Amino acid sequence: MRREALIWNDIDQLIDHLIPQFEIEFDAMMIITRGGIVPGGMLAEALDIANILTAAVDFPAELEMKRNRTHSRLYALPKFLQFPADQLLTDQRLLIVDDVWGSGRTITAVKNRVAGAGGKPRTCVLHFNPYRNLFGDVRPDYFAAITYAYIIYPWETNRGLEGILLPKMPSDG
């Protein structure tokens, strides 16, 4: 699979591409951790959305054995590690933000739970990968780019003290 590493300027351009797509005002934003934190924050600032909610979703990695066949975690039900109370979602126009729609499982699980609580969800990602999408013709309501690559965002790069510390100077004594 091709990998594509982005820089911060790329992210700014993607955000700039998304902003004109929003035809309604949102009451709140739901950011999916962790990938949606940075783009969600940038969009919240650009769209002047002050009410920010978070959702954390996991799909258990347990393997299921049936008839001598192993089924991957694609068949697992989502486990919501963090999710707002239903009363915060009812009748709210919510923009659900994540970094990428790969399989679409995470953002779809969040969207369905918001709708089940009486919210009015719209989905938004920086990148949509139709090749990996598990939901047929269903796609994000808003996306900045289509990709078939594995995207590496600037906030996913390795961080550490290497390259940050100044070199030791020879002593004067």
C-alpha atoms as a PDB file:
ATOM      1  CA  MET A   1       0.000   0.000   0.000  1.00  0.00           C
ATOM      2  CA  ARG A   2       1.260   3.436  -0.915  1.00  0.00           C
ATOM      3  CA  ARG A   3       1.991   5.754   2.011  1.00  0.00           C
ATOM      4  CA  GLU A   4       1.588   9.498   1.899  1.00  0.00           C
ATOM      5  CA  ALA A   5       3.036  11.734   4.608  1.00  0.00           C
ATOM      6  CA  LEU A   6       1.413  15.131   4.939  1.00  0.00           C
ATOM      7  CA  ILE A   7       2.770  18.367   6.342  1.00  0.00           C
ATOM      8  CA  TRP A   8       0.852  21.068   8.210  1.00  0.00           C
ATOM      9  CA  ASN A   9       0.390  23.143   5.056  1.00  0.00           C
ATOM     10  CA  ASP A  10      -1.423  20.160   3.487  1.00  0.00           C
ATOM     11  CA  ILE A  11      -3.793  20.069   6.460  1.00  0.00           C
ATOM     12  CA  ASP A  12      -4.505  23.802   6.143  1.00  0.00           C
ATOM     13  CA  GLN A  13      -5.411  23.266   2.480  1.00  0.00           C
ATOM     14  CA  LEU A  14      -7.704  20.339   3.326  1.00  0.00           C
ATOM     15  CA  ILE A  15      -9.495  22.412   5.981  1.00  0.00           C
ATOM     16  CA  ASP A  16      -9.827  25.283   3.485  1.00  0.00           C
ATOM     17  CA  HIS A  17     -11.391  22.835   1.021  1.00  0.00           C
ATOM     18  CA  LEU A  18     -13.929  21.612   3.612  1.00  0.00           C
ATOM     19  CA  ILE A  19     -15.205  24.954   4.922  1.00  0.00           C
ATOM     20  CA  PRO A  20     -17.227  26.004   1.832  1.00  0.00           C
ATOM     21  CA  GLN A  21     -18.995  22.603   1.804  1.00  0.00           C
ATOM     22  CA  PHE A  22     -20.959  23.234   5.017  1.00  0.00           C
ATOM     23  CA  GLU A  23     -24.426  24.389   4.011  1.00  0.00           C
ATOM     24  CA  ILE A  24     -25.860  24.470   7.549  1.00  0.00           C
ATOM     25  CA  GLU A  25     -24.776  25.727  10.953  1.00  0.00           C
ATOM     26  CA  PHE A  26     -24.068  23.109  13.565  1.00  0.00           C
ATOM     27  CA  ASP A  27     -25.138  23.186  17.203  1.00  0.00           C
ATOM     28  CA  ALA A  28     -22.164  21.099  18.270  1.00  0.00           C
ATOM     29  CA  MET A  29     -19.230  19.049  17.042  1.00  0.00           C
ATOM     30  CA  MET A  30     -18.381  15.508  18.051  1.00  0.00           C
ATOM     31  CA  ILE A  31     -14.715  14.671  17.650  1.00  0.00           C
ATOM     32  CA  ILE A  32     -13.727  11.018  17.377  1.00  0.00           C
ATOM     33  CA  THR A  33     -10.588  10.321  19.359  1.00  0.00           C
ATOM     34  CA  ARG A  34      -7.789  10.308  18.541  1.00  0.00           C
ATOM     35  CA  GLY A  35      -7.632  11.009  14.834  1.00  0.00           C
ATOM     36  CA  GLY A  36     -10.365  13.623  14.836  1.00  0.00           C
ATOM     37  CA  ILE A  37      -8.911  15.783  17.599  1.00  0.00           C
ATOM     38  CA  VAL A  38      -6.652  17.987  15.468  1.00  0.00           C
ATOM     39  CA  PRO A  39      -8.888  18.431  12.397  1.00  0.00           C
ATOM     40  CA  GLY A  40     -11.906  18.821  14.691  1.00  0.00           C
ATOM     41  CA  GLY A  41     -10.190  21.589  16.638  1.00  0.00           C
ATOM     42  CA  MET A  42      -9.219  23.366  13.448  1.00  0.00           C
ATOM     43  CA  LEU A  43     -12.752  23.108  12.048  1.00  0.00           C
ATOM     44  CA  ALA A  44     -14.330  24.178  15.345  1.00  0.00           C
ATOM     45  CA  GLU A  45     -12.229  27.325  15.286  1.00  0.00           C
ATOM     46  CA  ALA A  46     -12.950  28.045  11.607  1.00  0.00           C
ATOM     47  CA  LEU A  47     -16.704  27.407  11.966  1.00  0.00           C
ATOM     48  CA  ASP A  48     -16.986  29.077  15.389  1.00  0.00           C
ATOM     49  CA  ILE A  49     -18.397  25.943  17.045  1.00  0.00           C
ATOM     50  CA  ALA A  50     -17.954  26.205  20.816  1.00  0.00           C
ATOM     51  CA  ASN A  51     -19.815  23.079  21.945  1.00  0.00           C
ATOM     52  CA  ILE A  52     -17.326  20.222  21.464  1.00  0.00           C
ATOM     53  CA  LEU A  53     -18.109  16.616  22.421  1.00  0.00           C
ATOM     54  CA  THR A  54     -15.886  13.542  22.148  1.00  0.00           C
ATOM     55  CA  ALA A  55     -16.439   9.904  21.317  1.00  0.00           C
ATOM     56  CA  ALA A  56     -13.979   7.056  21.767  1.00  0.00           C
ATOM     57  CA  VAL A  57     -14.784   3.789  20.011  1.00  0.00           C
ATOM     58  CA  ASP A  58     -12.992   0.460  19.990  1.00  0.00           C
ATOM     59  CA  PHE A  59     -13.600  -2.663  17.959  1.00  0.00           C
ATOM     60  CA  PRO A  60     -12.375  -5.643  20.010  1.00  0.00           C
ATOM     61  CA  ALA A  61      -9.579  -7.576  18.333  1.00  0.00           C
ATOM     62  CA  GLU A  62     -10.949 -10.925  19.466  1.00  0.00           C
ATOM     63  CA  LEU A  63     -10.935 -13.542  16.742  1.00  0.00           C
ATOM     64  CA  GLU A  64     -14.029 -15.620  16.294  1.00  0.00           C
ATOM     65  CA  MET A  65     -13.803 -19.224  15.173  1.00  0.00           C
ATOM     66  CA  LYS A  66     -16.707 -20.603  13.137  1.00  0.00           C
ATOM     67  CA  ARG A  67     -16.640 -23.768  11.085  1.00  0.00           C
ATOM     68  CA  ASN A  68     -12.843 -23.805  11.109  1.00  0.00           C
ATOM     69  CA  ARG A  69     -12.724 -20.288   9.647  1.00  0.00           C
ATOM     70  CA  THR A  70     -11.275 -17.292  11.404  1.00  0.00           C
ATOM     71  CA  HIS A  71     -13.222 -14.061  11.120  1.00  0.00           C
ATOM     72  CA  SER A  72     -11.379 -10.840  11.752  1.00  0.00           C
ATOM     73  CA  ARG A  73     -12.472  -7.946  13.885  1.00  0.00           C
ATOM     74  CA  LEU A  74     -14.543  -6.620  10.974  1.00  0.00           C
ATOM     75  CA  TYR A  75     -17.414  -8.576  12.528  1.00  0.00           C
ATOM     76  CA  ALA A  76     -16.965  -7.131  16.024  1.00  0.00           C
ATOM     77  CA  LEU A  77     -19.538  -4.781  17.485  1.00  0.00           C
ATOM     78  CA  PRO A  78     -18.271  -1.372  18.573  1.00  0.00           C
ATOM     79  CA  LYS A  79     -17.415  -0.750  22.198  1.00  0.00           C
ATOM     80  CA  PHE A  80     -18.013   2.881  23.146  1.00  0.00           C
ATOM     81  CA  LEU A  81     -15.290   3.815  25.614  1.00  0.00           C
ATOM     82  CA  GLN A  82     -16.505   7.402  25.862  1.00  0.00           C
ATOM     83  CA  PHE A  83     -19.729   8.911  24.580  1.00  0.00           C
ATOM     84  CA  PRO A  84     -21.908  11.885  25.567  1.00  0.00           C
ATOM     85  CA  ALA A  85     -25.247  11.392  27.291  1.00  0.00           C
ATOM     86  CA  ASP A  86     -28.271  11.171  24.996  1.00  0.00           C
ATOM     87  CA  GLN A  87     -29.772  14.422  26.322  1.00  0.00           C
ATOM     88  CA  LEU A  88     -26.746  16.306  24.927  1.00  0.00           C
ATOM     89  CA  LEU A  89     -27.486  14.927  21.452  1.00  0.00           C
ATOM     90  CA  THR A  90     -31.282  15.116  21.116  1.00  0.00           C
ATOM     91  CA  ASP A  91     -32.379  17.573  18.407  1.00  0.00           C
ATOM     92  CA  GLN A  92     -28.781  18.769  17.963  1.00  0.00           C
ATOM     93  CA  ARG A  93     -27.237  19.293  14.523  1.00  0.00           C
ATOM     94  CA  LEU A  94     -23.912  17.563  15.078  1.00  0.00           C
ATOM     95  CA  LEU A  95     -20.832  17.588  12.887  1.00  0.00           C
ATOM     96  CA  ILE A  96     -18.966  14.314  13.539  1.00  0.00           C
ATOM     97  CA  VAL A  97     -15.268  14.684  12.692  1.00  0.00           C
ATOM     98  CA  ASP A  98     -12.512  12.120  12.181  1.00  0.00           C
ATOM     99  CA  ASP A  99      -9.310  12.199  10.175  1.00  0.00           C
ATOM    100  CA  VAL A 100     -10.049   9.446   7.658  1.00  0.00           C
ATOM    101  CA  TRP A 101     -12.918   7.244   6.503  1.00  0.00           C
ATOM    102  CA  GLY A 102     -11.160   3.968   5.754  1.00  0.00           C
ATOM    103  CA  SER A 103     -13.564   1.118   6.390  1.00  0.00           C
ATOM    104  CA  GLY A 104     -16.050   3.638   7.781  1.00  0.00           C
ATOM    105  CA  ARG A 105     -16.897   1.474  10.802  1.00  0.00           C
ATOM    106  CA  THR A 106     -15.959   3.942  13.529  1.00  0.00           C
ATOM    107  CA  ILE A 107     -17.632   7.061  12.175  1.00  0.00           C
ATOM    108  CA  THR A 108     -20.703   5.082  11.100  1.00  0.00           C
ATOM    109  CA  ALA A 109     -21.043   3.584  14.589  1.00  0.00           C
ATOM    110  CA  VAL A 110     -20.860   7.090  16.088  1.00  0.00           C
ATOM    111  CA  LYS A 111     -23.326   8.485  13.530  1.00  0.00           C
ATOM    112  CA  ASN A 112     -25.820   5.695  14.218  1.00  0.00           C
ATOM    113  CA  ARG A 113     -25.587   6.169  17.973  1.00  0.00           C
ATOM    114  CA  VAL A 114     -26.130   9.943  17.624  1.00  0.00           C
ATOM    115  CA  ALA A 115     -29.149   9.337  15.365  1.00  0.00           C
ATOM    116  CA  GLY A 116     -30.466   6.773  17.852  1.00  0.00           C
ATOM    117  CA  ALA A 117     -30.338   9.440  20.566  1.00  0.00           C
ATOM    118  CA  GLY A 118     -32.391  11.807  18.418  1.00  0.00           C
ATOM    119  CA  GLY A 119     -29.486  13.870  17.090  1.00  0.00           C
ATOM    120  CA  LYS A 120     -29.042  15.061  13.523  1.00  0.00           C
ATOM    121  CA  PRO A 121     -25.549  13.839  12.564  1.00  0.00           C
ATOM    122  CA  ARG A 122     -23.407  14.791   9.598  1.00  0.00           C
ATOM    123  CA  THR A 123     -20.024  13.140   9.031  1.00  0.00           C
ATOM    124  CA  CYS A 124     -16.809  14.890   8.047  1.00  0.00           C
ATOM    125  CA  VAL A 125     -13.304  13.582   7.355  1.00  0.00           C
ATOM    126  CA  LEU A 126     -10.168  14.890   5.760  1.00  0.00           C
ATOM    127  CA  HIS A 127      -9.722  11.773   3.599  1.00  0.00           C
ATOM    128  CA  PHE A 128     -12.200   9.275   2.179  1.00  0.00           C
ATOM    129  CA  ASN A 129     -10.923   5.910   0.944  1.00  0.00           C
ATOM    130  CA  PRO A 130     -13.661   4.361  -1.248  1.00  0.00           C
ATOM    131  CA  TYR A 131     -11.542   1.258  -1.835  1.00  0.00           C
ATOM    132  CA  ARG A 132     -11.679   0.273   1.878  1.00  0.00           C
ATOM    133  CA  ASN A 133     -15.251   1.474   2.525  1.00  0.00           C
ATOM    134  CA  LEU A 134     -17.438  -1.315   3.956  1.00  0.00           C
ATOM    135  CA  PHE A 135     -20.709   0.555   3.447  1.00  0.00           C
ATOM    136  CA  GLY A 136     -21.290   0.398  -0.299  1.00  0.00           C
ATOM    137  CA  ASP A 137     -22.439   3.745  -1.649  1.00  0.00           C
ATOM    138  CA  VAL A 138     -22.537   5.348   1.810  1.00  0.00           C
ATOM    139  CA  ARG A 139     -19.832   7.945   2.159  1.00  0.00           C
ATOM    140  CA  PRO A 140     -19.005  10.900   4.398  1.00  0.00           C
ATOM    141  CA  ASP A 141     -21.279  13.924   4.105  1.00  0.00           C
ATOM    142  CA  TYR A 142     -18.172  16.111   3.831  1.00  0.00           C
ATOM    143  CA  PHE A 143     -14.624  15.196   2.869  1.00  0.00           C
ATOM    144  CA  ALA A 144     -11.651  17.122   1.584  1.00  0.00           C
ATOM    145  CA  ALA A 145      -9.945  14.471  -0.553  1.00  0.00           C
ATOM    146  CA  ILE A 146     -10.294  10.951  -1.918  1.00  0.00           C
ATOM    147  CA  THR A 147      -7.302   8.694  -1.420  1.00  0.00           C
ATOM    148  CA  TYR A 148      -6.190   5.128  -1.890  1.00  0.00           C
ATOM    149  CA  ALA A 149      -3.022   5.698   0.142  1.00  0.00           C
ATOM    150  CA  TYR A 150      -2.272   5.159   3.792  1.00  0.00           C
ATOM    151  CA  ILE A 151      -2.150   8.738   5.091  1.00  0.00           C
ATOM    152  CA  ILE A 152       0.340   9.790   7.748  1.00  0.00           C
ATOM    153  CA  TYR A 153      -0.759  13.045   9.335  1.00  0.00           C
ATOM    154  CA  PRO A 154       1.752  15.498  10.818  1.00  0.00           C
ATOM    155  CA  TRP A 155       0.426  14.879  14.341  1.00  0.00           C
ATOM    156  CA  GLU A 156       1.213  11.163  13.943  1.00  0.00           C
ATOM    157  CA  THR A 157       4.934  11.608  13.424  1.00  0.00           C
ATOM    158  CA  ASN A 158       7.318  10.316  16.054  1.00  0.00           C
ATOM    159  CA  ARG A 159       8.062  12.865  18.686  1.00  0.00           C
ATOM    160  CA  GLY A 160      10.884  12.894  21.158  1.00  0.00           C
ATOM    161  CA  LEU A 161      13.881  14.807  22.302  1.00  0.00           C
ATOM    162  CA  GLU A 162      16.004  13.845  19.304  1.00  0.00           C
ATOM    163  CA  GLY A 163      16.537  16.857  17.106  1.00  0.00           C
ATOM    164  CA  ILE A 164      15.115  19.196  19.734  1.00  0.00           C
ATOM    165  CA  LEU A 165      17.979  19.461  22.194  1.00  0.00           C
ATOM    166  CA  LEU A 166      20.810  21.793  21.400  1.00  0.00           C
ATOM    167  CA  PRO A 167      24.195  20.146  20.942  1.00  0.00           C
ATOM    168  CA  LYS A 168      26.517  20.288  23.906  1.00  0.00           C
ATOM    169  CA  MET A 169      29.011  23.113  23.689  1.00  0.00           C
ATOM    170  CA  PRO A 170      32.639  22.510  24.600  1.00  0.00           C
ATOM    171  CA  SER A 171      33.408  23.829  28.049  1.00  0.00           C
ATOM    172  CA  ASP A 172      35.313  27.071  28.327  1.00  0.00           C
ATOM    173  CA  GLY A 173      37.500  25.809  31.111  1.00  0.00           C
END
